[in-house]
Amino acid sequence: MYSIRLDGDTRSLMKRLRQLADIDKKGINASIAEAIRESTVERFRTEKGPDGKKWKQSIRAAQEGGVTLVKSAGLKNSIKTTSDASGFAVGTNKIYASTHQLGAKNRRITIRAKTSKGLVFQVDGRWIRKKQVTVRINIPARPFLGLSDDDMQEIKGTLEDYFRED
């Protein structure tokens, strides 16, 4: 068992301790979560990861002059937050998000024909028709989730604002 004895005028210390006990943890976490969500969504515009490194341009973006990971904006628009007094989370429920976040080496995918005519393609000068083909592909990591140095500064600033003495 420990005991602490404080001598002198402790009113300001006790007042500050009561203020800290009453701090709005849920509000702090909601503010931080929203700031991180906005930063994450911004990465889709700048095409840079939390580490500041530029994403490798996708083939589709290069061919169409578009933005990598933003063909339909489904992934970007799926970034959501949740928060309570114990913490916060920023993320997505898109099943393909982890592939883009982490990349995929030698991933096997099957491409199926949308019509009864099948897939038609040329190999070594011969035309081939198939109902489906299986190929192996590599998808580079294009991290969009995570905390950048600017995010850490934002968190620090938010906490300083909440804990600032009045």
N, C-alpha and C. Protein backbone atom coordinates (compact mmCIF):
# COMPACT_ATOMS: atom_id res chain seq x y z
N MET A 1 0.84 -1.18 0.00
CA MET A 1 0.00 0.00 0.00
C MET A 1 0.88 1.24 0.00
N TYR A 2 0.44 2.23 -0.76
CA TYR A 2 1.18 3.47 -0.86
C TYR A 2 0.33 4.60 -0.33
N SER A 3 0.97 5.61 0.17
CA SER A 3 0.25 6.82 0.56
C SER A 3 1.09 8.01 0.13
N ILE A 4 0.39 9.06 -0.20
CA ILE A 4 1.05 10.30 -0.63
C ILE A 4 0.53 11.42 0.25
N ARG A 5 1.44 12.22 0.70
CA ARG A 5 1.05 13.35 1.53
C ARG A 5 1.45 14.63 0.80
N LEU A 6 0.50 15.51 0.62
CA LEU A 6 0.75 16.80 -0.02
C LEU A 6 0.63 17.89 1.02
N ASP A 7 1.64 18.70 1.10
CA ASP A 7 1.63 19.84 2.03
C ASP A 7 1.42 21.11 1.23
N GLY A 8 0.86 22.10 1.86
CA GLY A 8 0.68 23.40 1.22
C GLY A 8 -0.69 23.53 0.58
N ASP A 9 -0.82 24.54 -0.27
CA ASP A 9 -2.09 24.84 -0.93
C ASP A 9 -2.25 23.91 -2.14
N THR A 10 -3.14 22.94 -2.05
CA THR A 10 -3.35 21.96 -3.11
C THR A 10 -4.64 22.20 -3.88
N ARG A 11 -5.29 23.35 -3.66
CA ARG A 11 -6.57 23.59 -4.33
C ARG A 11 -6.46 23.58 -5.85
N SER A 12 -5.44 24.24 -6.40
CA SER A 12 -5.33 24.28 -7.87
C SER A 12 -5.02 22.90 -8.43
N LEU A 13 -4.21 22.14 -7.72
CA LEU A 13 -3.91 20.78 -8.15
C LEU A 13 -5.18 19.92 -8.14
N MET A 14 -5.94 20.00 -7.09
CA MET A 14 -7.17 19.22 -6.98
C MET A 14 -8.19 19.65 -8.04
N LYS A 15 -8.26 20.95 -8.30
CA LYS A 15 -9.18 21.44 -9.35
C LYS A 15 -8.78 20.86 -10.71
N ARG A 16 -7.47 20.86 -10.98
CA ARG A 16 -6.98 20.34 -12.27
C ARG A 16 -7.24 18.84 -12.37
N LEU A 17 -7.05 18.11 -11.31
CA LEU A 17 -7.32 16.68 -11.31
C LEU A 17 -8.80 16.40 -11.56
N ARG A 18 -9.69 17.21 -10.99
CA ARG A 18 -11.13 17.04 -11.26
C ARG A 18 -11.45 17.34 -12.72
N GLN A 19 -10.80 18.37 -13.28
CA GLN A 19 -11.01 18.70 -14.69
C GLN A 19 -10.58 17.54 -15.59
N LEU A 20 -9.44 16.95 -15.28
CA LEU A 20 -8.94 15.83 -16.08
C LEU A 20 -9.84 14.61 -15.95
N ALA A 21 -10.39 14.40 -14.77
CA ALA A 21 -11.29 13.27 -14.57
C ALA A 21 -12.58 13.45 -15.38
N ASP A 22 -12.98 14.69 -15.59
CA ASP A 22 -14.22 14.98 -16.31
C ASP A 22 -14.02 15.19 -17.80
N ILE A 23 -12.82 14.98 -18.30
CA ILE A 23 -12.53 15.26 -19.72
C ILE A 23 -13.41 14.39 -20.62
N ASP A 24 -13.80 14.95 -21.73
CA ASP A 24 -14.68 14.27 -22.69
C ASP A 24 -13.86 13.33 -23.58
N LYS A 25 -13.56 12.13 -23.09
CA LYS A 25 -12.73 11.17 -23.84
C LYS A 25 -13.42 10.76 -25.14
N LYS A 26 -14.72 10.61 -25.08
CA LYS A 26 -15.46 10.23 -26.28
C LYS A 26 -15.33 11.33 -27.35
N GLY A 27 -15.44 12.59 -26.94
CA GLY A 27 -15.31 13.71 -27.87
C GLY A 27 -13.90 13.83 -28.44
N ILE A 28 -12.91 13.61 -27.59
CA ILE A 28 -11.51 13.66 -28.05
C ILE A 28 -11.29 12.60 -29.13
N ASN A 29 -11.72 11.38 -28.83
CA ASN A 29 -11.51 10.28 -29.78
C ASN A 29 -12.29 10.49 -31.07
N ALA A 30 -13.49 11.05 -30.98
CA ALA A 30 -14.27 11.34 -32.19
C ALA A 30 -13.57 12.39 -33.04
N SER A 31 -13.01 13.41 -32.40
CA SER A 31 -12.28 14.46 -33.14
C SER A 31 -11.05 13.91 -33.83
N ILE A 32 -10.29 13.10 -33.12
CA ILE A 32 -9.08 12.51 -33.70
C ILE A 32 -9.46 11.57 -34.85
N ALA A 33 -10.47 10.75 -34.64
CA ALA A 33 -10.89 9.79 -35.68
C ALA A 33 -11.28 10.52 -36.95
N GLU A 34 -12.03 11.59 -36.83
CA GLU A 34 -12.47 12.33 -38.03
C GLU A 34 -11.28 12.95 -38.75
N ALA A 35 -10.33 13.49 -37.99
CA ALA A 35 -9.13 14.07 -38.61
C ALA A 35 -8.34 13.01 -39.36
N ILE A 36 -8.21 11.83 -38.78
CA ILE A 36 -7.47 10.74 -39.44
C ILE A 36 -8.24 10.24 -40.67
N ARG A 37 -9.57 10.19 -40.58
CA ARG A 37 -10.38 9.79 -41.74
C ARG A 37 -10.16 10.76 -42.90
N GLU A 38 -10.20 12.05 -42.60
CA GLU A 38 -9.98 13.07 -43.64
C GLU A 38 -8.60 12.93 -44.26
N SER A 39 -7.60 12.69 -43.43
CA SER A 39 -6.24 12.50 -43.93
C SER A 39 -6.15 11.27 -44.82
N THR A 40 -6.83 10.20 -44.42
CA THR A 40 -6.82 8.96 -45.20
C THR A 40 -7.48 9.18 -46.56
N VAL A 41 -8.62 9.85 -46.58
CA VAL A 41 -9.31 10.14 -47.84
C VAL A 41 -8.44 11.02 -48.74
N GLU A 42 -7.72 11.95 -48.15
CA GLU A 42 -6.83 12.83 -48.91
C GLU A 42 -5.74 12.03 -49.63
N ARG A 43 -5.33 10.92 -49.07
CA ARG A 43 -4.28 10.10 -49.70
C ARG A 43 -4.71 9.59 -51.08
N PHE A 44 -6.00 9.42 -51.27
CA PHE A 44 -6.48 8.96 -52.58
C PHE A 44 -6.32 10.07 -53.63
N ARG A 45 -6.31 11.32 -53.20
CA ARG A 45 -6.09 12.43 -54.13
C ARG A 45 -4.60 12.58 -54.44
N THR A 46 -3.78 12.51 -53.40
CA THR A 46 -2.34 12.72 -53.58
C THR A 46 -1.61 11.46 -54.05
N GLU A 47 -2.28 10.30 -53.94
CA GLU A 47 -1.70 9.01 -54.33
C GLU A 47 -0.40 8.73 -53.56
N LYS A 48 -0.44 9.03 -52.25
CA LYS A 48 0.72 8.79 -51.39
C LYS A 48 0.28 8.06 -50.13
N GLY A 49 1.16 7.18 -49.64
CA GLY A 49 0.90 6.45 -48.41
C GLY A 49 1.16 7.31 -47.19
N PRO A 50 0.87 6.78 -46.00
CA PRO A 50 1.13 7.52 -44.77
C PRO A 50 2.60 7.88 -44.58
N ASP A 51 3.48 7.11 -45.21
CA ASP A 51 4.92 7.38 -45.12
C ASP A 51 5.36 8.48 -46.10
N GLY A 52 4.42 8.99 -46.90
CA GLY A 52 4.74 10.05 -47.86
C GLY A 52 5.23 9.55 -49.21
N LYS A 53 5.38 8.23 -49.35
CA LYS A 53 5.87 7.68 -50.62
C LYS A 53 4.73 7.58 -51.62
N LYS A 54 5.04 7.95 -52.87
CA LYS A 54 4.07 7.91 -53.96
C LYS A 54 3.73 6.46 -54.28
N TRP A 55 2.44 6.18 -54.51
CA TRP A 55 2.01 4.84 -54.91
C TRP A 55 2.49 4.56 -56.33
N LYS A 56 2.73 3.29 -56.63
CA LYS A 56 3.00 2.89 -58.00
C LYS A 56 1.70 3.08 -58.78
N GLN A 57 1.78 3.76 -59.91
CA GLN A 57 0.59 4.03 -60.72
C GLN A 57 0.00 2.73 -61.23
N SER A 58 -1.32 2.63 -61.17
CA SER A 58 -1.99 1.43 -61.68
C SER A 58 -2.01 1.47 -63.21
N ILE A 59 -2.14 0.31 -63.81
CA ILE A 59 -2.21 0.22 -65.27
C ILE A 59 -3.44 0.99 -65.77
N ARG A 60 -4.58 0.83 -65.08
CA ARG A 60 -5.80 1.52 -65.48
C ARG A 60 -5.62 3.04 -65.44
N ALA A 61 -5.02 3.54 -64.36
CA ALA A 61 -4.81 4.99 -64.24
C ALA A 61 -3.87 5.49 -65.35
N ALA A 62 -2.86 4.71 -65.67
CA ALA A 62 -1.92 5.11 -66.72
C ALA A 62 -2.59 5.13 -68.09
N GLN A 63 -3.43 4.13 -68.36
CA GLN A 63 -4.08 4.04 -69.67
C GLN A 63 -5.19 5.07 -69.84
N GLU A 64 -5.93 5.32 -68.77
CA GLU A 64 -7.10 6.20 -68.86
C GLU A 64 -6.81 7.63 -68.39
N GLY A 65 -5.63 7.85 -67.84
CA GLY A 65 -5.31 9.17 -67.31
C GLY A 65 -6.03 9.45 -66.00
N GLY A 66 -6.40 8.41 -65.29
CA GLY A 66 -7.13 8.56 -64.04
C GLY A 66 -6.21 8.57 -62.84
N VAL A 67 -6.83 8.34 -61.68
CA VAL A 67 -6.12 8.33 -60.41
C VAL A 67 -6.09 6.89 -59.90
N THR A 68 -4.93 6.45 -59.42
CA THR A 68 -4.78 5.11 -58.89
C THR A 68 -5.69 4.90 -57.68
N LEU A 69 -6.36 3.77 -57.63
CA LEU A 69 -7.30 3.35 -56.58
C LEU A 69 -8.60 4.17 -56.54
N VAL A 70 -8.90 4.93 -57.60
CA VAL A 70 -10.10 5.76 -57.57
C VAL A 70 -10.94 5.62 -58.84
N LYS A 71 -11.06 4.42 -59.38
CA LYS A 71 -11.89 4.26 -60.58
C LYS A 71 -13.34 4.62 -60.29
N SER A 72 -13.91 4.02 -59.27
CA SER A 72 -15.31 4.31 -58.91
C SER A 72 -15.40 5.07 -57.59
N ALA A 73 -14.27 5.26 -56.90
CA ALA A 73 -14.19 5.91 -55.59
C ALA A 73 -14.85 5.08 -54.50
N GLY A 74 -15.15 3.80 -54.79
CA GLY A 74 -15.77 2.93 -53.79
C GLY A 74 -14.91 2.74 -52.56
N LEU A 75 -13.61 2.51 -52.75
CA LEU A 75 -12.71 2.32 -51.62
C LEU A 75 -12.56 3.62 -50.83
N LYS A 76 -12.31 4.69 -51.54
CA LYS A 76 -12.14 6.00 -50.89
C LYS A 76 -13.39 6.37 -50.08
N ASN A 77 -14.55 6.17 -50.65
CA ASN A 77 -15.79 6.56 -49.98
C ASN A 77 -16.19 5.60 -48.87
N SER A 78 -15.51 4.47 -48.78
CA SER A 78 -15.85 3.50 -47.73
C SER A 78 -15.09 3.74 -46.43
N ILE A 79 -14.19 4.71 -46.40
CA ILE A 79 -13.41 4.97 -45.19
C ILE A 79 -14.32 5.56 -44.12
N LYS A 80 -14.45 4.84 -43.02
CA LYS A 80 -15.36 5.23 -41.93
C LYS A 80 -14.61 5.24 -40.61
N THR A 81 -15.25 5.85 -39.61
CA THR A 81 -14.68 5.88 -38.26
C THR A 81 -15.65 5.28 -37.26
N THR A 82 -15.09 4.87 -36.17
CA THR A 82 -15.87 4.51 -34.99
C THR A 82 -15.06 4.97 -33.79
N SER A 83 -15.74 5.45 -32.76
CA SER A 83 -15.03 5.92 -31.58
C SER A 83 -15.95 5.84 -30.37
N ASP A 84 -15.31 5.75 -29.21
CA ASP A 84 -16.01 5.84 -27.94
C ASP A 84 -14.99 6.34 -26.92
N ALA A 85 -15.30 6.24 -25.66
CA ALA A 85 -14.40 6.77 -24.63
C ALA A 85 -13.10 5.98 -24.55
N SER A 86 -13.07 4.75 -25.04
CA SER A 86 -11.87 3.93 -24.92
C SER A 86 -10.91 4.04 -26.10
N GLY A 87 -11.35 4.60 -27.23
CA GLY A 87 -10.46 4.71 -28.37
C GLY A 87 -11.21 4.99 -29.66
N PHE A 88 -10.52 4.83 -30.77
CA PHE A 88 -11.12 5.07 -32.09
C PHE A 88 -10.51 4.14 -33.11
N ALA A 89 -11.20 3.99 -34.23
CA ALA A 89 -10.70 3.20 -35.35
C ALA A 89 -11.10 3.90 -36.64
N VAL A 90 -10.24 3.81 -37.63
CA VAL A 90 -10.50 4.33 -38.97
C VAL A 90 -10.21 3.18 -39.92
N GLY A 91 -11.16 2.87 -40.81
CA GLY A 91 -10.93 1.76 -41.72
C GLY A 91 -12.03 1.62 -42.73
N THR A 92 -12.06 0.46 -43.37
CA THR A 92 -13.02 0.16 -44.42
C THR A 92 -13.46 -1.29 -44.30
N ASN A 93 -14.64 -1.57 -44.82
CA ASN A 93 -15.12 -2.95 -44.83
C ASN A 93 -15.04 -3.57 -46.23
N LYS A 94 -14.39 -2.90 -47.15
CA LYS A 94 -14.25 -3.43 -48.51
C LYS A 94 -13.33 -4.65 -48.48
N ILE A 95 -13.78 -5.73 -49.07
CA ILE A 95 -13.05 -7.00 -49.02
C ILE A 95 -11.70 -6.91 -49.74
N TYR A 96 -11.59 -6.04 -50.71
CA TYR A 96 -10.35 -5.93 -51.48
C TYR A 96 -9.38 -4.90 -50.89
N ALA A 97 -9.75 -4.26 -49.80
CA ALA A 97 -8.91 -3.21 -49.22
C ALA A 97 -7.54 -3.74 -48.80
N SER A 98 -7.50 -4.91 -48.19
CA SER A 98 -6.21 -5.43 -47.72
C SER A 98 -5.26 -5.72 -48.88
N THR A 99 -5.79 -6.11 -50.02
CA THR A 99 -4.95 -6.34 -51.19
C THR A 99 -4.25 -5.05 -51.60
N HIS A 100 -4.97 -3.95 -51.60
CA HIS A 100 -4.36 -2.67 -51.98
C HIS A 100 -3.44 -2.14 -50.89
N GLN A 101 -3.83 -2.33 -49.63
CA GLN A 101 -3.02 -1.86 -48.51
C GLN A 101 -1.68 -2.61 -48.44
N LEU A 102 -1.73 -3.93 -48.56
CA LEU A 102 -0.55 -4.77 -48.35
C LEU A 102 0.11 -5.28 -49.63
N GLY A 103 -0.65 -5.23 -50.74
CA GLY A 103 -0.16 -5.80 -51.99
C GLY A 103 -0.43 -7.29 -52.04
N ALA A 104 -0.18 -7.89 -53.19
CA ALA A 104 -0.39 -9.33 -53.37
C ALA A 104 0.64 -9.84 -54.37
N LYS A 105 1.42 -10.80 -53.95
CA LYS A 105 2.44 -11.40 -54.82
C LYS A 105 1.92 -12.73 -55.35
N ASN A 106 2.00 -12.88 -56.66
CA ASN A 106 1.66 -14.15 -57.31
C ASN A 106 0.24 -14.61 -56.98
N ARG A 107 -0.69 -13.67 -56.92
CA ARG A 107 -2.09 -14.00 -56.61
C ARG A 107 -2.75 -14.66 -57.80
N ARG A 108 -3.44 -15.73 -57.55
CA ARG A 108 -4.15 -16.47 -58.59
C ARG A 108 -5.57 -15.93 -58.69
N ILE A 109 -5.95 -15.50 -59.88
CA ILE A 109 -7.32 -15.03 -60.09
C ILE A 109 -7.92 -15.73 -61.31
N THR A 110 -9.22 -15.90 -61.27
CA THR A 110 -9.94 -16.51 -62.38
C THR A 110 -10.82 -15.44 -63.01
N ILE A 111 -10.70 -15.32 -64.33
CA ILE A 111 -11.52 -14.38 -65.09
C ILE A 111 -12.56 -15.21 -65.84
N ARG A 112 -13.82 -14.90 -65.59
CA ARG A 112 -14.92 -15.65 -66.22
C ARG A 112 -15.61 -14.78 -67.26
N ALA A 113 -16.03 -15.43 -68.34
CA ALA A 113 -16.76 -14.72 -69.40
C ALA A 113 -18.11 -14.25 -68.88
N LYS A 114 -18.52 -13.08 -69.31
CA LYS A 114 -19.83 -12.54 -68.92
C LYS A 114 -20.94 -13.01 -69.86
N THR A 115 -20.55 -13.49 -71.02
CA THR A 115 -21.55 -13.95 -71.99
C THR A 115 -21.26 -15.39 -72.39
N SER A 116 -22.21 -16.01 -73.07
CA SER A 116 -22.03 -17.40 -73.51
C SER A 116 -21.00 -17.51 -74.63
N LYS A 117 -20.64 -16.39 -75.25
CA LYS A 117 -19.62 -16.41 -76.30
C LYS A 117 -18.23 -16.67 -75.74
N GLY A 118 -18.05 -16.45 -74.44
CA GLY A 118 -16.77 -16.72 -73.81
C GLY A 118 -15.78 -15.59 -73.96
N LEU A 119 -14.58 -15.86 -73.49
CA LEU A 119 -13.47 -14.91 -73.61
C LEU A 119 -12.75 -15.23 -74.91
N VAL A 120 -12.41 -14.22 -75.65
CA VAL A 120 -11.70 -14.43 -76.92
C VAL A 120 -10.42 -13.61 -76.85
N PHE A 121 -9.29 -14.28 -77.09
CA PHE A 121 -8.01 -13.59 -77.07
C PHE A 121 -7.04 -14.32 -77.99
N GLN A 122 -5.94 -13.66 -78.28
CA GLN A 122 -4.98 -14.20 -79.24
C GLN A 122 -3.69 -14.58 -78.51
N VAL A 123 -3.20 -15.79 -78.80
CA VAL A 123 -1.93 -16.25 -78.24
C VAL A 123 -1.10 -16.81 -79.39
N ASP A 124 0.09 -16.26 -79.56
CA ASP A 124 0.99 -16.72 -80.64
C ASP A 124 0.31 -16.74 -82.00
N GLY A 125 -0.49 -15.73 -82.28
CA GLY A 125 -1.15 -15.62 -83.58
C GLY A 125 -2.41 -16.45 -83.73
N ARG A 126 -2.75 -17.25 -82.74
CA ARG A 126 -3.97 -18.08 -82.79
C ARG A 126 -5.04 -17.47 -81.90
N TRP A 127 -6.27 -17.47 -82.40
CA TRP A 127 -7.40 -16.99 -81.60
C TRP A 127 -7.91 -18.13 -80.72
N ILE A 128 -8.15 -17.82 -79.46
CA ILE A 128 -8.60 -18.82 -78.48
C ILE A 128 -9.88 -18.31 -77.83
N ARG A 129 -10.80 -19.25 -77.61
CA ARG A 129 -12.07 -18.94 -76.93
C ARG A 129 -12.16 -19.82 -75.68
N LYS A 130 -12.37 -19.22 -74.53
CA LYS A 130 -12.49 -19.95 -73.26
C LYS A 130 -13.63 -19.38 -72.43
N LYS A 131 -14.22 -20.23 -71.60
CA LYS A 131 -15.26 -19.76 -70.67
C LYS A 131 -14.63 -19.03 -69.50
N GLN A 132 -13.40 -19.44 -69.15
CA GLN A 132 -12.68 -18.78 -68.07
C GLN A 132 -11.19 -19.05 -68.22
N VAL A 133 -10.39 -18.18 -67.65
CA VAL A 133 -8.94 -18.38 -67.60
C VAL A 133 -8.46 -18.04 -66.20
N THR A 134 -7.41 -18.72 -65.78
CA THR A 134 -6.80 -18.45 -64.48
C THR A 134 -5.41 -17.90 -64.74
N VAL A 135 -5.10 -16.81 -64.09
CA VAL A 135 -3.80 -16.16 -64.26
C VAL A 135 -3.22 -15.83 -62.88
N ARG A 136 -1.95 -15.56 -62.87
CA ARG A 136 -1.28 -15.11 -61.63
C ARG A 136 -0.85 -13.67 -61.85
N ILE A 137 -1.12 -12.85 -60.85
CA ILE A 137 -0.80 -11.42 -60.96
C ILE A 137 -0.08 -10.94 -59.71
N ASN A 138 0.61 -9.84 -59.84
CA ASN A 138 1.24 -9.16 -58.71
C ASN A 138 0.60 -7.78 -58.59
N ILE A 139 0.16 -7.45 -57.41
CA ILE A 139 -0.41 -6.13 -57.15
C ILE A 139 0.49 -5.46 -56.12
N PRO A 140 1.06 -4.31 -56.45
CA PRO A 140 1.94 -3.63 -55.48
C PRO A 140 1.13 -3.07 -54.31
N ALA A 141 1.78 -3.01 -53.17
CA ALA A 141 1.14 -2.39 -52.00
C ALA A 141 0.97 -0.90 -52.27
N ARG A 142 -0.20 -0.40 -51.95
CA ARG A 142 -0.49 1.03 -52.03
C ARG A 142 -1.19 1.41 -50.72
N PRO A 143 -0.40 1.52 -49.64
CA PRO A 143 -1.00 1.75 -48.33
C PRO A 143 -1.73 3.09 -48.25
N PHE A 144 -2.94 3.04 -47.75
CA PHE A 144 -3.74 4.25 -47.55
C PHE A 144 -4.11 4.41 -46.09
N LEU A 145 -4.14 3.33 -45.33
CA LEU A 145 -4.42 3.39 -43.89
C LEU A 145 -3.11 3.52 -43.13
N GLY A 146 -3.15 4.23 -42.03
CA GLY A 146 -1.96 4.40 -41.20
C GLY A 146 -1.84 5.85 -40.75
N LEU A 147 -0.87 6.10 -39.91
CA LEU A 147 -0.66 7.45 -39.38
C LEU A 147 0.60 8.06 -39.96
N SER A 148 0.46 9.21 -40.56
CA SER A 148 1.61 9.95 -41.08
C SER A 148 2.17 10.85 -39.97
N ASP A 149 3.29 11.47 -40.24
CA ASP A 149 3.85 12.44 -39.29
C ASP A 149 2.86 13.58 -39.05
N ASP A 150 2.20 14.04 -40.12
CA ASP A 150 1.19 15.10 -39.98
C ASP A 150 0.02 14.64 -39.12
N ASP A 151 -0.38 13.36 -39.28
CA ASP A 151 -1.46 12.82 -38.44
C ASP A 151 -1.06 12.85 -36.97
N MET A 152 0.18 12.47 -36.69
CA MET A 152 0.65 12.48 -35.30
C MET A 152 0.65 13.89 -34.73
N GLN A 153 1.02 14.87 -35.55
CA GLN A 153 0.98 16.26 -35.10
C GLN A 153 -0.46 16.70 -34.85
N GLU A 154 -1.38 16.26 -35.69
CA GLU A 154 -2.80 16.58 -35.52
C GLU A 154 -3.33 16.00 -34.21
N ILE A 155 -2.96 14.76 -33.92
CA ILE A 155 -3.37 14.12 -32.67
C ILE A 155 -2.80 14.89 -31.48
N LYS A 156 -1.53 15.23 -31.57
CA LYS A 156 -0.89 15.98 -30.49
C LYS A 156 -1.59 17.32 -30.27
N GLY A 157 -1.88 18.03 -31.37
CA GLY A 157 -2.56 19.32 -31.26
C GLY A 157 -3.95 19.20 -30.66
N THR A 158 -4.68 18.16 -31.07
CA THR A 158 -6.02 17.94 -30.53
C THR A 158 -5.96 17.69 -29.03
N LEU A 159 -5.03 16.84 -28.62
CA LEU A 159 -4.88 16.55 -27.19
C LEU A 159 -4.45 17.78 -26.41
N GLU A 160 -3.54 18.55 -26.97
CA GLU A 160 -3.12 19.79 -26.29
C GLU A 160 -4.29 20.74 -26.13
N ASP A 161 -5.14 20.86 -27.15
CA ASP A 161 -6.32 21.72 -27.05
C ASP A 161 -7.25 21.27 -25.94
N TYR A 162 -7.48 19.97 -25.84
CA TYR A 162 -8.39 19.45 -24.81
C TYR A 162 -7.81 19.58 -23.41
N PHE A 163 -6.49 19.44 -23.29
CA PHE A 163 -5.86 19.47 -21.96
C PHE A 163 -5.36 20.85 -21.55
N ARG A 164 -5.50 21.82 -22.46
CA ARG A 164 -5.02 23.17 -22.16
C ARG A 164 -5.74 23.72 -20.94
N GLU A 165 -4.97 24.30 -20.04
CA GLU A 165 -5.57 24.91 -18.85
C GLU A 165 -6.25 26.21 -19.23
N ASP A 166 -7.43 26.41 -18.71
CA ASP A 166 -8.16 27.66 -18.97
C ASP A 166 -7.78 28.75 -18.01
